[in-house]
Amino acid sequence: MTSSYATSTDAMAVEPTKTPAEAHEKPSDAKQDPASDLISPFHPSQYPDGGRQAWLCVAGGFCCLFCSFGWINCIGVFQAYYQTHQLRAYSSSTIAWIPSLEIFIMFLGGPIVGKLYDNYGPRWLLLCGTLLHVFGLMMTSLSTEFYQFILAQGICSPIGASMIFYPAMSCAIGWFLRRRALVLGILASGSSIGGVVLPILVTKLIPRIGFGWTMRVVAFLILGLMVVPNLTLRSRVPPHKSPLDLMEFVRPLGELPFLTVTAGAFFFFFGMWLPVDFIVTEAISRGMSASLAAYLVPIMNGASFFGRILPGYLGDKFGRFNVMSVFCFFTAILILALWLPARSNAATISFAAFYGFGQGTFVSMAAALIAQISPDVRKIGVRTGVMYAVVSFAVLIGSPIGGVLEGTAGT
């Protein structure tokens, strides 16, 4: 009895010594616990949906969208300017290839930039993108021939913009889940602010300091703003390196939800940029003064600021696909019922404001829709890039077709 009692008390007081093999087995058994499998960086409970680093990424992403998509939103100003200045010998359809290529190249780079982001994170992409974007704008300031504008403004600058745009969106998706559509709307509002500030800046500076120095001022402004995201943008999930697999870019199109969303985006973007690109020239042809028409693009982008935040907030509450459907119909009705029959200044200005609000919804929420139907957030960079790459072909042919129609109809 005494021996038995002593043994039991010793066992209670002192934990038995384990062999190295036994000590190694317990963590392995813990990993097999199903509850522990749920605690991964991709489980909904692990998204911070806030915090210092998350909101720093939002601030950096806002600057990225200002400098990339915000610059692309200026295409209407350059279409009108080139038709009356450096490229006046060319047709509006030919000139339209410059802004069309800008959007095409920025979107087409999505799969490649997305793959690089998934493998290496945002740091080097942002740095290289900043240098290419600024270099392209500097070269545009020296351009005088059509091919030079194509190379500098149509190819080099948007390659850099693509390397800026996609990391900003992907980083935000990694930090937020419940508020994802709202946060992407805040990021996209950066492009709206850029679309207000940059066209006014360009139109006001060109008569004072000339086209060349205006482009250099814009390039230096973008260079300064890009310091912020280069310092603050960080991916929550460590890069997941994987070998290049070309089928990785094709495989998402085999999923019916992804395919239908991408097809919808294709047709929406096919016509979305036509009002942005031609509203200035159309308004002038209908009797609006050139000085007033120059403010149509800023008005459109200013209204788009609210169209990129409010629908995102509503989408998180009532369903992102539901909200997107409503605003797609709203935008189409505006074109048919307001822009086409519009002849007065008031009607054209009203269209610019309402259309900017409506199309801002799609720009801000497209990535949120792809994230919602994607099973693996580690592939979000590639999947978002594939969607925008498909969309890029719609953008490429949309504006030149619009230029042909505008040149044929005259009004």
Protein backbone atom coordinates (compact mmCIF):
# COMPACT_ATOMS: atom_id res chain seq x y z
CA MET A 1 0.00 0.00 0.00
CA THR A 2 2.72 2.42 0.95
CA SER A 3 4.61 1.73 -2.21
CA SER A 4 1.47 2.15 -4.30
CA TYR A 5 0.55 5.46 -2.62
CA ALA A 6 4.05 6.87 -3.03
CA THR A 7 4.03 6.03 -6.70
CA SER A 8 0.71 7.73 -7.29
CA THR A 9 1.69 10.92 -5.47
CA ASP A 10 4.98 11.09 -7.34
CA ALA A 11 3.09 10.79 -10.59
CA MET A 12 0.86 13.70 -9.57
CA ALA A 13 3.71 15.91 -8.44
CA VAL A 14 6.24 15.30 -11.14
CA GLU A 15 5.48 14.99 -14.88
CA PRO A 16 7.10 11.84 -16.27
CA THR A 17 10.16 12.47 -18.38
CA LYS A 18 9.50 12.01 -22.10
CA THR A 19 11.82 10.61 -24.66
CA PRO A 20 12.65 12.86 -27.61
CA ALA A 21 10.38 10.76 -29.82
CA GLU A 22 7.45 11.15 -27.39
CA ALA A 23 8.07 14.86 -27.05
CA HIS A 24 7.96 15.20 -30.83
CA GLU A 25 4.71 13.30 -31.19
CA LYS A 26 2.48 15.72 -29.29
CA PRO A 27 2.84 18.74 -31.61
CA SER A 28 2.26 16.39 -34.53
CA ASP A 29 -0.94 15.16 -32.92
CA ALA A 30 -1.99 18.76 -32.26
CA LYS A 31 -1.62 19.55 -35.96
CA GLN A 32 -4.02 16.75 -36.72
CA ASP A 33 -6.68 18.41 -34.59
CA PRO A 34 -9.41 19.58 -36.99
CA ALA A 35 -9.98 22.75 -34.97
CA SER A 36 -6.40 23.86 -35.50
CA ASP A 37 -6.76 23.48 -39.30
CA LEU A 38 -9.32 26.30 -39.27
CA ILE A 39 -6.78 28.76 -37.89
CA SER A 40 -4.98 29.71 -41.08
CA PRO A 41 -4.24 33.10 -42.65
CA PHE A 42 -7.11 32.50 -45.06
CA HIS A 43 -9.80 31.63 -42.53
CA PRO A 44 -12.42 34.42 -42.20
CA SER A 45 -11.59 34.85 -38.52
CA GLN A 46 -7.99 35.78 -39.37
CA TYR A 47 -8.75 38.86 -41.47
CA PRO A 48 -8.08 41.88 -39.24
CA ASP A 49 -10.54 44.15 -41.11
CA GLY A 50 -8.71 47.09 -39.57
CA GLY A 51 -5.63 48.03 -37.60
CA ARG A 52 -2.67 50.31 -38.26
CA GLN A 53 -1.00 48.34 -41.05
CA ALA A 54 -4.29 47.58 -42.78
CA TRP A 55 -5.27 51.25 -42.96
CA LEU A 56 -1.75 52.23 -44.01
CA CYS A 57 -2.25 49.88 -46.95
CA VAL A 58 -5.51 51.66 -47.74
CA ALA A 59 -3.71 55.02 -47.69
CA GLY A 60 -0.95 53.69 -49.93
CA GLY A 61 -3.49 52.05 -52.23
CA PHE A 62 -5.40 55.33 -52.52
CA CYS A 63 -2.21 57.00 -53.82
CA CYS A 64 -1.64 54.08 -56.22
CA LEU A 65 -5.10 54.45 -57.73
CA PHE A 66 -4.66 58.24 -57.95
CA CYS A 67 -1.46 57.79 -59.95
CA SER A 68 -2.52 54.85 -62.15
CA PHE A 69 -6.26 54.73 -62.82
CA GLY A 70 -6.58 58.45 -62.01
CA TRP A 71 -4.17 59.22 -64.83
CA ILE A 72 -6.04 56.89 -67.21
CA ASN A 73 -9.22 58.83 -66.40
CA CYS A 74 -7.64 61.86 -68.12
CA ILE A 75 -7.85 60.31 -71.58
CA GLY A 76 -10.75 62.52 -72.63
CA VAL A 77 -8.62 65.63 -72.22
CA PHE A 78 -5.79 64.27 -74.38
CA GLN A 79 -8.12 63.02 -77.12
CA ALA A 80 -9.48 66.53 -77.56
CA TYR A 81 -6.07 68.22 -77.23
CA TYR A 82 -4.22 66.01 -79.73
CA GLN A 83 -7.00 66.47 -82.31
CA THR A 84 -6.33 70.20 -82.37
CA HIS A 85 -2.57 70.33 -81.73
CA GLN A 86 0.32 67.87 -82.25
CA LEU A 87 -1.74 65.22 -84.08
CA ARG A 88 -4.30 67.35 -85.89
CA ALA A 89 -3.31 65.72 -89.19
CA TYR A 90 -4.68 62.39 -87.93
CA SER A 91 -8.29 61.25 -87.67
CA SER A 92 -10.01 60.99 -84.29
CA SER A 93 -10.15 57.21 -84.73
CA THR A 94 -6.38 57.02 -85.22
CA ILE A 95 -5.67 59.30 -82.25
CA ALA A 96 -8.02 57.18 -80.13
CA TRP A 97 -5.49 54.34 -80.30
CA ILE A 98 -3.29 56.24 -77.83
CA PRO A 99 -5.77 56.34 -74.91
CA SER A 100 -7.14 52.95 -75.97
CA LEU A 101 -3.67 51.43 -75.75
CA GLU A 102 -3.16 53.04 -72.33
CA ILE A 103 -6.15 51.24 -70.86
CA PHE A 104 -5.43 48.04 -72.80
CA ILE A 105 -1.83 47.74 -71.63
CA MET A 106 -2.69 48.57 -68.03
CA PHE A 107 -5.39 45.89 -67.91
CA LEU A 108 -3.53 43.32 -70.05
CA GLY A 109 -0.62 43.24 -67.62
CA GLY A 110 -2.94 41.86 -64.95
CA PRO A 111 -2.08 38.13 -65.15
CA ILE A 112 1.68 38.73 -65.26
CA VAL A 113 1.65 41.35 -62.50
CA GLY A 114 -0.75 39.20 -60.48
CA LYS A 115 1.55 36.19 -60.75
CA LEU A 116 4.57 38.27 -59.73
CA TYR A 117 2.58 39.65 -56.79
CA ASP A 118 1.56 36.18 -55.61
CA ASN A 119 5.17 34.99 -55.85
CA TYR A 120 7.14 37.98 -54.57
CA GLY A 121 4.80 40.49 -52.94
CA PRO A 122 4.28 44.16 -53.81
CA ARG A 123 7.62 45.83 -53.06
CA TRP A 124 9.58 45.39 -56.30
CA LEU A 125 6.47 45.72 -58.44
CA LEU A 126 5.70 49.12 -56.94
CA LEU A 127 9.27 50.35 -57.34
CA CYS A 128 9.59 49.25 -60.98
CA GLY A 129 6.08 50.46 -61.77
CA THR A 130 6.83 53.91 -60.37
CA LEU A 131 9.97 54.26 -62.49
CA LEU A 132 8.30 53.07 -65.70
CA HIS A 133 5.20 55.24 -65.24
CA VAL A 134 7.23 58.38 -64.57
CA PHE A 135 9.70 57.61 -67.38
CA GLY A 136 6.85 57.15 -69.86
CA LEU A 137 5.35 60.52 -68.95
CA MET A 138 8.72 62.23 -69.21
CA MET A 139 9.19 60.79 -72.69
CA THR A 140 5.67 61.90 -73.64
CA SER A 141 6.70 65.46 -72.79
CA LEU A 142 9.35 65.21 -75.53
CA SER A 143 7.13 63.51 -78.13
CA THR A 144 6.11 65.16 -81.38
CA GLU A 145 5.29 62.19 -83.67
CA PHE A 146 2.38 59.74 -83.46
CA TYR A 147 4.61 56.69 -82.92
CA GLN A 148 6.41 58.48 -80.08
CA PHE A 149 3.13 59.10 -78.26
CA ILE A 150 2.23 55.43 -78.80
CA LEU A 151 5.52 54.20 -77.30
CA ALA A 152 5.70 56.63 -74.39
CA GLN A 153 2.10 57.35 -73.38
CA GLY A 154 0.43 54.30 -74.89
CA ILE A 155 2.88 51.55 -73.84
CA CYS A 156 5.64 52.52 -71.36
CA SER A 157 3.54 54.58 -68.94
CA PRO A 158 0.64 52.09 -68.67
CA ILE A 159 3.03 49.17 -68.08
CA GLY A 160 4.18 51.05 -64.99
CA ALA A 161 0.59 51.94 -64.09
CA SER A 162 -0.33 48.25 -64.28
CA MET A 163 2.47 47.38 -61.83
CA ILE A 164 1.06 50.02 -59.49
CA PHE A 165 -2.65 49.27 -59.85
CA TYR A 166 -2.83 45.52 -59.21
CA PRO A 167 -0.66 45.29 -56.05
CA ALA A 168 -2.77 48.00 -54.43
CA MET A 169 -6.00 46.07 -55.05
CA SER A 170 -4.53 42.70 -54.03
CA CYS A 171 -3.05 44.05 -50.79
CA ALA A 172 -6.41 45.51 -49.72
CA ILE A 173 -8.18 42.23 -50.45
CA GLY A 174 -5.72 40.43 -48.18
CA TRP A 175 -6.35 42.71 -45.20
CA PHE A 176 -10.15 43.07 -45.34
CA LEU A 177 -13.08 40.66 -45.65
CA ARG A 178 -16.31 42.03 -44.13
CA ARG A 179 -15.54 45.57 -45.29
CA ARG A 180 -13.83 44.53 -48.52
CA ALA A 181 -16.17 46.24 -51.00
CA LEU A 182 -16.13 49.47 -48.97
CA VAL A 183 -12.33 49.47 -48.74
CA LEU A 184 -11.93 48.77 -52.45
CA GLY A 185 -14.33 51.64 -53.03
CA ILE A 186 -12.12 53.93 -50.93
CA LEU A 187 -9.10 52.82 -52.97
CA ALA A 188 -10.95 53.34 -56.23
CA SER A 189 -11.98 56.81 -55.08
CA GLY A 190 -8.30 57.68 -55.41
CA SER A 191 -8.70 57.31 -59.16
CA SER A 192 -11.71 59.63 -59.00
CA ILE A 193 -9.72 62.30 -57.18
CA GLY A 194 -6.92 61.83 -59.69
CA GLY A 195 -9.47 62.11 -62.47
CA VAL A 196 -10.57 65.47 -61.06
CA VAL A 197 -7.19 66.98 -60.18
CA LEU A 198 -5.10 65.80 -63.12
CA PRO A 199 -7.34 66.96 -66.02
CA ILE A 200 -7.76 70.40 -64.46
CA LEU A 201 -4.02 70.55 -63.80
CA VAL A 202 -3.25 69.63 -67.41
CA THR A 203 -5.76 72.02 -69.00
CA LYS A 204 -4.67 74.94 -66.80
CA LEU A 205 -0.93 74.42 -67.12
CA ILE A 206 -0.63 73.79 -70.87
CA PRO A 207 -1.51 77.40 -71.86
CA ARG A 208 0.87 78.75 -69.21
CA ILE A 209 3.97 76.54 -69.38
CA GLY A 210 3.41 74.46 -72.51
CA PHE A 211 2.65 70.79 -73.10
CA GLY A 212 6.16 69.52 -72.36
CA TRP A 213 6.54 71.09 -68.93
CA THR A 214 2.96 70.23 -68.02
CA MET A 215 3.74 66.53 -68.54
CA ARG A 216 6.91 66.88 -66.47
CA VAL A 217 5.00 68.52 -63.62
CA VAL A 218 2.51 65.65 -63.65
CA ALA A 219 5.36 63.12 -63.70
CA PHE A 220 7.02 64.74 -60.67
CA LEU A 221 3.67 64.85 -58.85
CA ILE A 222 3.16 61.11 -59.45
CA LEU A 223 6.74 60.40 -58.37
CA GLY A 224 6.17 62.23 -55.09
CA LEU A 225 2.84 60.52 -54.37
CA MET A 226 4.27 57.07 -55.09
CA VAL A 227 6.68 57.47 -52.18
CA VAL A 228 3.73 56.77 -49.86
CA PRO A 229 2.73 53.32 -51.19
CA ASN A 230 6.35 52.29 -51.62
CA LEU A 231 6.72 52.79 -47.86
CA THR A 232 3.33 51.59 -46.59
CA LEU A 233 1.95 48.88 -48.90
CA ARG A 234 2.52 45.43 -47.39
CA SER A 235 0.92 42.05 -48.06
CA ARG A 236 -0.67 40.40 -45.01
CA VAL A 237 0.02 36.91 -46.35
CA PRO A 238 3.66 36.03 -47.13
CA PRO A 239 4.37 35.51 -50.85
CA HIS A 240 3.56 32.00 -52.02
CA LYS A 241 6.15 31.08 -54.65
CA SER A 242 5.05 28.61 -57.29
CA PRO A 243 6.43 27.70 -60.71
CA LEU A 244 4.95 29.30 -63.80
CA ASP A 245 1.99 27.31 -65.05
CA LEU A 246 0.31 28.74 -68.14
CA MET A 247 -2.85 26.80 -67.35
CA GLU A 248 -3.10 28.84 -64.16
CA PHE A 249 -4.23 31.75 -66.34
CA VAL A 250 -6.75 29.64 -68.26
CA ARG A 251 -8.14 27.44 -65.48
CA PRO A 252 -10.33 30.15 -63.86
CA LEU A 253 -12.24 30.56 -67.13
CA GLY A 254 -13.42 26.98 -66.72
CA GLU A 255 -15.41 27.99 -63.64
CA LEU A 256 -18.92 29.14 -64.57
CA PRO A 257 -19.16 31.93 -61.90
CA PHE A 258 -15.78 33.36 -62.92
CA LEU A 259 -16.61 33.08 -66.62
CA THR A 260 -19.95 34.87 -66.31
CA VAL A 261 -18.51 37.70 -64.20
CA THR A 262 -15.66 38.14 -66.67
CA ALA A 263 -18.05 38.13 -69.64
CA GLY A 264 -20.18 40.79 -67.96
CA ALA A 265 -17.09 42.89 -67.28
CA PHE A 266 -16.02 42.54 -70.92
CA PHE A 267 -19.26 43.93 -72.31
CA PHE A 268 -19.50 46.69 -69.69
CA PHE A 269 -15.96 47.94 -70.34
CA PHE A 270 -16.52 47.69 -74.10
CA GLY A 271 -18.72 50.75 -73.90
CA MET A 272 -17.77 52.28 -70.56
CA TRP A 273 -14.84 54.34 -71.80
CA LEU A 274 -16.60 55.87 -74.82
CA PRO A 275 -18.29 58.69 -72.85
CA VAL A 276 -15.07 59.29 -70.90
CA ASP A 277 -13.03 59.49 -74.09
CA PHE A 278 -15.39 61.49 -76.32
CA ILE A 279 -17.57 63.58 -74.02
CA VAL A 280 -15.38 66.68 -74.47
CA THR A 281 -15.30 66.56 -78.28
CA GLU A 282 -19.01 65.68 -78.45
CA ALA A 283 -19.97 68.54 -76.15
CA ILE A 284 -17.98 71.03 -78.23
CA SER A 285 -19.58 69.75 -81.43
CA ARG A 286 -22.99 70.36 -79.83
CA GLY A 287 -22.21 73.99 -79.06
CA MET A 288 -20.58 73.94 -75.61
CA SER A 289 -17.62 76.28 -75.19
CA ALA A 290 -14.19 74.63 -75.02
CA SER A 291 -13.50 76.19 -71.61
CA LEU A 292 -16.67 74.68 -70.11
CA ALA A 293 -16.24 71.33 -71.90
CA ALA A 294 -12.81 70.95 -70.33
CA TYR A 295 -14.53 70.53 -66.94
CA LEU A 296 -16.76 67.63 -68.05
CA VAL A 297 -14.12 64.97 -67.32
CA PRO A 298 -13.41 66.38 -63.83
CA ILE A 299 -17.18 66.55 -63.17
CA MET A 300 -17.55 62.93 -64.24
CA ASN A 301 -14.66 61.80 -62.05
CA GLY A 302 -15.80 63.93 -59.13
CA ALA A 303 -19.21 62.23 -59.14
CA SER A 304 -17.42 58.90 -59.55
CA PHE A 305 -15.82 59.49 -56.11
CA PHE A 306 -19.21 58.94 -54.46
CA GLY A 307 -20.08 56.17 -56.92
CA ARG A 308 -17.06 54.19 -55.78
CA ILE A 309 -17.62 54.44 -52.03
CA LEU A 310 -21.40 54.43 -51.47
CA PRO A 311 -22.18 51.34 -53.62
CA GLY A 312 -19.33 49.49 -51.93
CA TYR A 313 -20.87 50.21 -48.54
CA LEU A 314 -24.28 49.08 -49.83
CA GLY A 315 -22.71 45.99 -51.41
CA ASP A 316 -21.31 44.82 -48.08
CA LYS A 317 -24.81 45.11 -46.59
CA PHE A 318 -27.17 43.98 -49.36
CA GLY A 319 -24.98 41.86 -51.59
CA ARG A 320 -22.28 42.95 -53.98
CA PHE A 321 -23.81 41.28 -57.02
CA ASN A 322 -27.20 42.82 -56.26
CA VAL A 323 -25.80 46.34 -56.04
CA MET A 324 -23.64 45.85 -59.13
CA SER A 325 -26.65 44.74 -61.21
CA VAL A 326 -28.70 47.78 -60.22
CA PHE A 327 -25.98 50.27 -61.14
CA CYS A 328 -25.15 48.55 -64.43
CA PHE A 329 -28.77 49.03 -65.53
CA PHE A 330 -28.68 52.61 -64.22
CA THR A 331 -25.61 53.42 -66.33
CA ALA A 332 -27.04 51.90 -69.50
CA ILE A 333 -30.30 53.84 -69.11
CA LEU A 334 -28.34 57.09 -68.70
CA ILE A 335 -26.60 56.62 -72.04
CA LEU A 336 -29.79 55.77 -73.93
CA ALA A 337 -32.09 58.29 -72.28
CA LEU A 338 -29.79 61.24 -71.54
CA TRP A 339 -26.48 61.33 -73.44
CA LEU A 340 -27.71 60.34 -76.92
CA PRO A 341 -30.60 62.84 -77.08
CA ALA A 342 -28.78 65.56 -75.09
CA ARG A 343 -28.27 68.88 -76.88
CA SER A 344 -28.13 71.50 -74.11
CA ASN A 345 -25.23 72.23 -71.78
CA ALA A 346 -27.36 71.36 -68.74
CA ALA A 347 -28.21 67.91 -70.11
CA THR A 348 -24.58 67.15 -70.98
CA ILE A 349 -23.32 68.27 -67.56
CA SER A 350 -26.04 66.25 -65.82
CA PHE A 351 -25.07 63.18 -67.82
CA ALA A 352 -21.40 63.62 -66.89
CA ALA A 353 -22.27 63.71 -63.19
CA PHE A 354 -24.75 60.81 -63.15
CA TYR A 355 -22.68 58.65 -65.49
CA GLY A 356 -19.57 59.18 -63.37
CA PHE A 357 -21.51 58.01 -60.32
CA GLY A 358 -22.82 54.91 -62.11
CA GLN A 359 -19.66 53.69 -63.82
CA GLY A 360 -17.65 54.24 -60.64
CA THR A 361 -19.52 51.30 -59.12
CA PHE A 362 -18.15 48.80 -61.60
CA VAL A 363 -14.60 50.10 -61.41
CA SER A 364 -14.55 49.81 -57.63
CA MET A 365 -16.46 46.54 -57.15
CA ALA A 366 -15.18 44.33 -59.97
CA ALA A 367 -12.26 43.05 -57.89
CA ALA A 368 -14.58 42.46 -54.92
CA LEU A 369 -16.80 40.24 -57.09
CA ILE A 370 -13.82 38.16 -58.21
CA ALA A 371 -12.64 37.82 -54.61
CA GLN A 372 -16.09 36.70 -53.50
CA ILE A 373 -16.20 33.80 -55.97
CA SER A 374 -12.53 32.79 -55.56
CA PRO A 375 -11.90 29.78 -53.30
CA ASP A 376 -8.20 30.52 -52.67
CA VAL A 377 -7.15 34.07 -51.74
CA ARG A 378 -3.53 33.15 -52.50
CA LYS A 379 -4.48 33.14 -56.19
CA ILE A 380 -6.40 36.40 -56.08
CA GLY A 381 -3.66 38.32 -57.89
CA VAL A 382 -3.72 35.98 -60.88
CA ARG A 383 -7.53 35.65 -60.95
CA THR A 384 -8.13 39.41 -60.80
CA GLY A 385 -5.47 39.87 -63.46
CA VAL A 386 -7.09 37.32 -65.77
CA MET A 387 -10.42 39.14 -65.54
CA TYR A 388 -8.83 42.50 -66.38
CA ALA A 389 -6.75 40.94 -69.17
CA VAL A 390 -9.94 39.74 -70.87
CA VAL A 391 -11.48 43.17 -70.31
CA SER A 392 -8.45 44.84 -71.90
CA PHE A 393 -9.44 43.59 -75.36
CA ALA A 394 -12.85 45.22 -75.02
CA VAL A 395 -11.16 48.48 -74.06
CA LEU A 396 -8.66 48.22 -76.93
CA ILE A 397 -11.29 48.13 -79.67
CA GLY A 398 -14.03 50.18 -77.98
CA SER A 399 -12.53 53.66 -78.32
CA PRO A 400 -11.30 53.33 -81.94
CA ILE A 401 -14.75 52.05 -82.97
CA GLY A 402 -16.24 55.03 -81.14
CA GLY A 403 -13.84 57.30 -83.01
CA VAL A 404 -15.01 55.90 -86.35
CA LEU A 405 -18.65 56.43 -85.38
CA GLU A 406 -17.93 59.93 -84.08
CA GLY A 407 -16.08 60.88 -87.26
CA THR A 408 -18.81 59.42 -89.48
CA ALA A 409 -21.83 60.82 -87.67
CA GLY A 410 -20.27 64.14 -86.76
CA THR A 411 -22.54 64.49 -83.75
